[in-house]
């Protein structure tokens, strides 16, 4: 079965659990949109963590389109909190593995996305700061809407923020 997450423009919703460094499990829900542009692919969205206080992570990744083998893609994510994370998606059978790091801040981690069917993925990941786990998570992703491929000449800049409240 061919991968659909990342490889087809779409909107995905997610739900699951995020664990803080202290081990507290918190419900999390999200929405992610994948868009394909000639120069890059864009992954953007939000993850709401329903704790006390609740927090919302806003994310936007710039992804280099894959080569002909479609086996891996480099990506970049910029954040005032985490710095510039640079990573790579690697396609391994029914899995997509993402590994990433920021040299200046020490944040690094990995995420595994396992394809269940064309519209469903199971994901698990971890974010560390040097040798300390900051967050870990387990989520289900469900494709809710397919999107067309858009053609444009420029890629807009995107702001990244994390808000609590």
Protein backbone atom coordinates (compact mmCIF):
# COMPACT_ATOMS: atom_id res chain seq x y z
CA UNK A 1 0.00 0.00 0.00
CA UNK A 2 1.40 3.41 -0.97
CA UNK A 3 1.81 6.04 1.76
CA UNK A 4 -0.75 8.82 1.82
CA UNK A 5 0.40 10.90 4.83
CA UNK A 6 2.86 13.51 3.50
CA UNK A 7 2.60 12.12 -0.05
CA UNK A 8 -0.93 13.39 -0.81
CA UNK A 9 -2.25 16.88 0.00
CA UNK A 10 -4.89 16.43 2.69
CA UNK A 11 -6.22 17.45 6.08
CA UNK A 12 -5.65 15.04 8.98
CA UNK A 13 -7.11 15.10 12.48
CA UNK A 14 -5.39 13.49 15.44
CA UNK A 15 -6.25 12.38 18.93
CA UNK A 16 -4.30 10.63 21.62
CA UNK A 17 -2.10 11.14 24.66
CA UNK A 18 0.89 13.37 25.37
CA UNK A 19 3.04 12.62 28.41
CA UNK A 20 4.96 15.41 30.11
CA UNK A 21 8.45 14.93 31.54
CA UNK A 22 6.92 14.18 34.96
CA UNK A 23 4.90 11.31 33.46
CA UNK A 24 1.49 13.02 33.60
CA UNK A 25 -0.69 11.82 30.72
CA UNK A 26 -2.73 14.52 28.98
CA UNK A 27 -5.36 14.23 26.27
CA UNK A 28 -4.27 15.82 22.97
CA UNK A 29 -6.17 16.65 19.78
CA UNK A 30 -4.86 18.16 16.57
CA UNK A 31 -5.30 19.11 12.97
CA UNK A 32 -2.61 18.95 10.27
CA UNK A 33 -2.73 20.07 6.67
CA UNK A 34 -0.34 18.84 3.99
CA UNK A 35 0.15 21.04 0.90
CA UNK A 36 2.42 20.43 -2.09
CA UNK A 37 4.15 23.34 -3.82
CA UNK A 38 6.71 23.15 -6.65
CA UNK A 39 9.62 24.13 -4.37
CA UNK A 40 8.55 22.29 -1.24
CA UNK A 41 5.82 20.48 0.63
CA UNK A 42 4.27 22.17 3.66
CA UNK A 43 2.97 20.47 6.80
CA UNK A 44 1.16 22.86 9.14
CA UNK A 45 -1.32 22.66 11.95
CA UNK A 46 -1.99 22.70 15.66
CA UNK A 47 -1.84 20.30 18.58
CA UNK A 48 -4.00 21.16 21.59
CA UNK A 49 -2.97 19.60 24.89
CA UNK A 50 -5.96 19.56 27.24
CA UNK A 51 -4.12 20.01 30.52
CA UNK A 52 -4.39 22.62 33.23
CA UNK A 53 -3.57 25.07 31.85
CA UNK A 54 -4.24 23.90 28.30
CA UNK A 55 -1.50 24.51 25.71
CA UNK A 56 -1.55 24.76 21.95
CA UNK A 57 1.44 23.93 19.77
CA UNK A 58 1.42 25.52 16.32
CA UNK A 59 3.68 23.82 13.80
CA UNK A 60 4.80 24.39 10.23
CA UNK A 61 7.38 22.25 8.45
CA UNK A 62 9.10 23.00 5.18
CA UNK A 63 9.76 19.64 3.49
CA UNK A 64 12.01 19.03 0.48
CA UNK A 65 10.06 16.91 -2.02
CA UNK A 66 11.42 13.38 -2.27
CA UNK A 67 13.60 12.10 -5.07
CA UNK A 68 12.42 9.48 -7.55
CA UNK A 69 12.81 6.66 -5.02
CA UNK A 70 10.47 8.48 -2.56
CA UNK A 71 12.50 6.91 0.28
CA UNK A 72 13.42 10.01 2.31
CA UNK A 73 12.84 13.75 2.65
CA UNK A 74 14.63 16.48 4.61
CA UNK A 75 12.53 18.91 6.65
CA UNK A 76 12.96 22.11 8.68
CA UNK A 77 10.87 23.52 11.53
CA UNK A 78 11.62 26.89 13.14
CA UNK A 79 10.47 27.78 16.63
CA UNK A 80 11.39 30.40 19.22
CA UNK A 81 11.16 27.65 21.88
CA UNK A 82 12.89 24.75 20.16
CA UNK A 83 15.15 26.60 17.71
CA UNK A 84 15.58 25.41 14.14
CA UNK A 85 14.89 21.69 14.09
CA UNK A 86 16.24 19.86 11.08
CA UNK A 87 15.10 16.35 10.36
CA UNK A 88 14.51 13.61 7.87
CA UNK A 89 11.50 11.47 7.07
CA UNK A 90 12.51 7.95 6.03
CA UNK A 91 10.00 5.60 4.42
CA UNK A 92 10.53 2.03 5.62
CA UNK A 93 7.81 -0.33 4.37
CA UNK A 94 4.49 0.59 6.03
CA UNK A 95 6.32 3.02 8.36
CA UNK A 96 7.56 6.58 8.14
CA UNK A 97 10.29 7.41 10.64
CA UNK A 98 11.23 10.99 11.46
CA UNK A 99 14.43 11.86 13.30
CA UNK A 100 15.38 15.44 14.14
CA UNK A 101 17.66 17.73 16.14
CA UNK A 102 18.61 21.34 16.80
CA UNK A 103 22.35 21.83 17.22
CA UNK A 104 22.05 25.20 19.02
CA UNK A 105 19.43 24.24 21.66
CA UNK A 106 20.07 20.52 22.18
CA UNK A 107 16.48 19.47 21.39
CA UNK A 108 16.23 16.21 19.46
CA UNK A 109 13.87 13.30 19.00
CA UNK A 110 12.13 10.80 16.80
CA UNK A 111 8.63 9.90 15.68
CA UNK A 112 7.27 6.73 14.09
CA UNK A 113 4.17 6.81 11.86
CA UNK A 114 2.70 3.40 11.09
CA UNK A 115 0.18 3.13 8.26
CA UNK A 116 -2.95 1.18 9.17
CA UNK A 117 -4.82 1.97 5.94
CA UNK A 118 -4.87 4.78 3.37
CA UNK A 119 -6.75 7.10 5.76
CA UNK A 120 -5.30 6.06 9.14
CA UNK A 121 -1.86 6.18 10.79
CA UNK A 122 -0.72 5.43 14.34
CA UNK A 123 2.13 7.62 15.60
CA UNK A 124 4.43 7.58 18.63
CA UNK A 125 7.29 9.90 19.39
CA UNK A 126 9.60 11.52 21.87
CA UNK A 127 11.17 14.99 22.26
CA UNK A 128 14.30 15.27 24.37
CA UNK A 129 16.46 18.15 25.59
CA UNK A 130 19.97 16.77 25.71
CA UNK A 131 19.39 13.52 27.69
CA UNK A 132 16.05 14.42 29.34
CA UNK A 133 12.64 13.45 27.94
CA UNK A 134 10.48 16.57 27.60
CA UNK A 135 7.41 15.05 25.92
CA UNK A 136 6.38 11.70 24.53
CA UNK A 137 3.15 10.97 22.68
CA UNK A 138 0.94 8.37 21.04
CA UNK A 139 -1.69 9.54 18.56
CA UNK A 140 -4.05 8.27 15.89
CA UNK A 141 -4.17 10.25 12.63
CA UNK A 142 -7.28 10.17 10.45
CA UNK A 143 -7.47 11.72 6.97
CA UNK A 144 -10.60 13.86 6.86
CA UNK A 145 -10.23 15.79 3.62
CA UNK A 146 -8.25 15.43 0.41
CA UNK A 147 -6.74 18.59 -1.10
CA UNK A 148 -5.59 19.40 -4.64
CA UNK A 149 -1.94 20.05 -5.47
CA UNK A 150 -1.43 23.79 -5.85
CA UNK A 151 1.07 25.46 -8.12
CA UNK A 152 2.66 28.68 -7.00
CA UNK A 153 5.86 30.61 -7.57
CA UNK A 154 6.73 31.46 -3.97
CA UNK A 155 6.53 29.86 -0.57
CA UNK A 156 5.13 32.14 2.16
CA UNK A 157 7.01 32.52 5.42
CA UNK A 158 5.35 30.93 8.42
CA UNK A 159 5.40 31.91 12.09
CA UNK A 160 5.71 29.24 14.78
CA UNK A 161 4.47 29.73 18.31
CA UNK A 162 3.50 27.86 21.43
CA UNK A 163 0.82 29.38 23.63
CA UNK A 164 -0.50 28.39 27.00
CA UNK A 165 -3.80 29.40 28.46
